[in-house]
Amino acid sequence: MNEQEQLMDNLLNVDLEIIDVVRELHQGNWESDSHKKQVGDLLQIRDEMVQKLTAAAGANAQCDCGHDHHHE
C-alpha cells in the first residue's frame, strides 16, 4: 500500500470514529463535554490528513494511465 492509499485508509477510519462519537453524543442529548472535545480533536486530525492527501496528490500529477492530471 503506498502512502496515498494509507492516508485514504486512515481517513476512512477517522471518519468512522467521528461518526461513532457523534452517535454517542446524540444518544446523550449532546451533554458530554469530553465527547465534544473528542469530536473537535478528530476533526482536526481529519483536516490534517486531508491536507497531506491533497499535497500528495498534487505532488503526483500522473497516475498509471499515462495522462497528466495536473490542473493549474
C-alpha atoms as a PDB file:
ATOM      1  CA  MET A   1       0.000   0.000   0.000  1.00  0.00           C
ATOM      2  CA  ASN A   2       1.501   3.357  -0.996  1.00  0.00           C
ATOM      3  CA  GLU A   3       1.422   6.489   1.158  1.00  0.00           C
ATOM      4  CA  GLN A   4      -1.639   7.927  -0.563  1.00  0.00           C
ATOM      5  CA  GLU A   5      -3.612   4.692  -0.092  1.00  0.00           C
ATOM      6  CA  GLN A   6      -2.541   4.559   3.561  1.00  0.00           C
ATOM      7  CA  LEU A   7      -3.726   8.141   4.086  1.00  0.00           C
ATOM      8  CA  MET A   8      -7.082   7.343   2.480  1.00  0.00           C
ATOM      9  CA  ASP A   9      -7.446   4.263   4.685  1.00  0.00           C
ATOM     10  CA  ASN A  10      -6.581   6.286   7.787  1.00  0.00           C
ATOM     11  CA  LEU A  11      -9.015   8.994   6.710  1.00  0.00           C
ATOM     12  CA  LEU A  12     -11.813   6.455   6.428  1.00  0.00           C
ATOM     13  CA  ASN A  13     -11.021   5.130   9.905  1.00  0.00           C
ATOM     14  CA  VAL A  14     -11.091   8.642  11.387  1.00  0.00           C
ATOM     15  CA  ASP A  15     -14.403   9.346   9.623  1.00  0.00           C
ATOM     16  CA  LEU A  16     -15.890   6.189  11.127  1.00  0.00           C
ATOM     17  CA  GLU A  17     -14.630   7.142  14.581  1.00  0.00           C
ATOM     18  CA  ILE A  18     -16.134  10.633  14.213  1.00  0.00           C
ATOM     19  CA  ILE A  19     -19.477   9.070  13.307  1.00  0.00           C
ATOM     20  CA  ASP A  20     -19.347   6.776  16.359  1.00  0.00           C
ATOM     21  CA  VAL A  21     -18.586   9.655  18.740  1.00  0.00           C
ATOM     22  CA  VAL A  22     -21.294  11.862  17.219  1.00  0.00           C
ATOM     23  CA  ARG A  23     -23.778   8.994  17.666  1.00  0.00           C
ATOM     24  CA  GLU A  24     -22.776   8.733  21.333  1.00  0.00           C
ATOM     25  CA  LEU A  25     -23.249  12.489  21.699  1.00  0.00           C
ATOM     26  CA  HIS A  26     -26.654  12.304  20.046  1.00  0.00           C
ATOM     27  CA  GLN A  27     -27.761   9.482  22.326  1.00  0.00           C
ATOM     28  CA  GLY A  28     -26.625  11.517  25.342  1.00  0.00           C
ATOM     29  CA  ASN A  29     -28.546  14.606  24.216  1.00  0.00           C
ATOM     30  CA  TRP A  30     -25.292  16.405  23.324  1.00  0.00           C
ATOM     31  CA  GLU A  31     -24.366  16.723  27.015  1.00  0.00           C
ATOM     32  CA  SER A  32     -20.869  15.217  27.097  1.00  0.00           C
ATOM     33  CA  ASP A  33     -18.101  17.817  27.013  1.00  0.00           C
ATOM     34  CA  SER A  34     -15.473  15.089  26.681  1.00  0.00           C
ATOM     35  CA  HIS A  35     -17.211  13.707  23.583  1.00  0.00           C
ATOM     36  CA  LYS A  36     -17.484  17.213  22.132  1.00  0.00           C
ATOM     37  CA  LYS A  37     -13.742  17.707  22.666  1.00  0.00           C
ATOM     38  CA  GLN A  38     -13.066  14.287  21.130  1.00  0.00           C
ATOM     39  CA  VAL A  39     -15.038  15.244  18.005  1.00  0.00           C
ATOM     40  CA  GLY A  40     -13.076  18.502  17.753  1.00  0.00           C
ATOM     41  CA  ASP A  41      -9.778  16.645  18.076  1.00  0.00           C
ATOM     42  CA  LEU A  42     -10.813  14.046  15.493  1.00  0.00           C
ATOM     43  CA  LEU A  43     -11.923  16.742  13.059  1.00  0.00           C
ATOM     44  CA  GLN A  44      -8.541  18.458  13.412  1.00  0.00           C
ATOM     45  CA  ILE A  45      -6.762  15.145  12.740  1.00  0.00           C
ATOM     46  CA  ARG A  46      -9.034  14.582   9.728  1.00  0.00           C
ATOM     47  CA  ASP A  47      -8.281  18.054   8.343  1.00  0.00           C
ATOM     48  CA  GLU A  48      -4.548  17.420   8.645  1.00  0.00           C
ATOM     49  CA  MET A  49      -4.910  14.083   6.834  1.00  0.00           C
ATOM     50  CA  VAL A  50      -6.890  15.718   4.025  1.00  0.00           C
ATOM     51  CA  GLN A  51      -4.152  18.341   3.639  1.00  0.00           C
ATOM     52  CA  LYS A  52      -1.487  15.621   3.448  1.00  0.00           C
ATOM     53  CA  LEU A  53      -3.572  13.674   0.936  1.00  0.00           C
ATOM     54  CA  THR A  54      -4.128  16.765  -1.186  1.00  0.00           C
ATOM     55  CA  ALA A  55      -0.421  17.599  -1.057  1.00  0.00           C
ATOM     56  CA  ALA A  56       0.497  14.027  -2.013  1.00  0.00           C
ATOM     57  CA  ALA A  57      -1.988  14.078  -4.898  1.00  0.00           C
ATOM     58  CA  GLY A  58      -0.608  17.435  -6.077  1.00  0.00           C
ATOM     59  CA  ALA A  59       2.939  16.121  -5.993  1.00  0.00           C
ATOM     60  CA  ASN A  60       1.923  13.118  -8.070  1.00  0.00           C
ATOM     61  CA  ALA A  61       0.086  14.645 -11.028  1.00  0.00           C
ATOM     62  CA  GLN A  62       0.344  11.458 -13.096  1.00  0.00           C
ATOM     63  CA  CYS A  63      -1.360   8.166 -12.442  1.00  0.00           C
ATOM     64  CA  ASP A  64      -0.666   4.835 -14.100  1.00  0.00           C
ATOM     65  CA  CYS A  65      -2.879   5.685 -17.076  1.00  0.00           C
ATOM     66  CA  GLY A  66      -0.166   7.891 -18.611  1.00  0.00           C
ATOM     67  CA  HIS A  67      -2.245  11.084 -18.694  1.00  0.00           C
ATOM     68  CA  ASP A  68      -1.187  14.284 -16.973  1.00  0.00           C
ATOM     69  CA  HIS A  69      -3.890  15.098 -14.402  1.00  0.00           C
ATOM     70  CA  HIS A  70      -2.198  18.241 -13.108  1.00  0.00           C
ATOM     71  CA  HIS A  71      -4.510  21.255 -13.255  1.00  0.00           C
ATOM     72  CA  GLU A  72      -3.114  24.739 -12.769  1.00  0.00           C
END
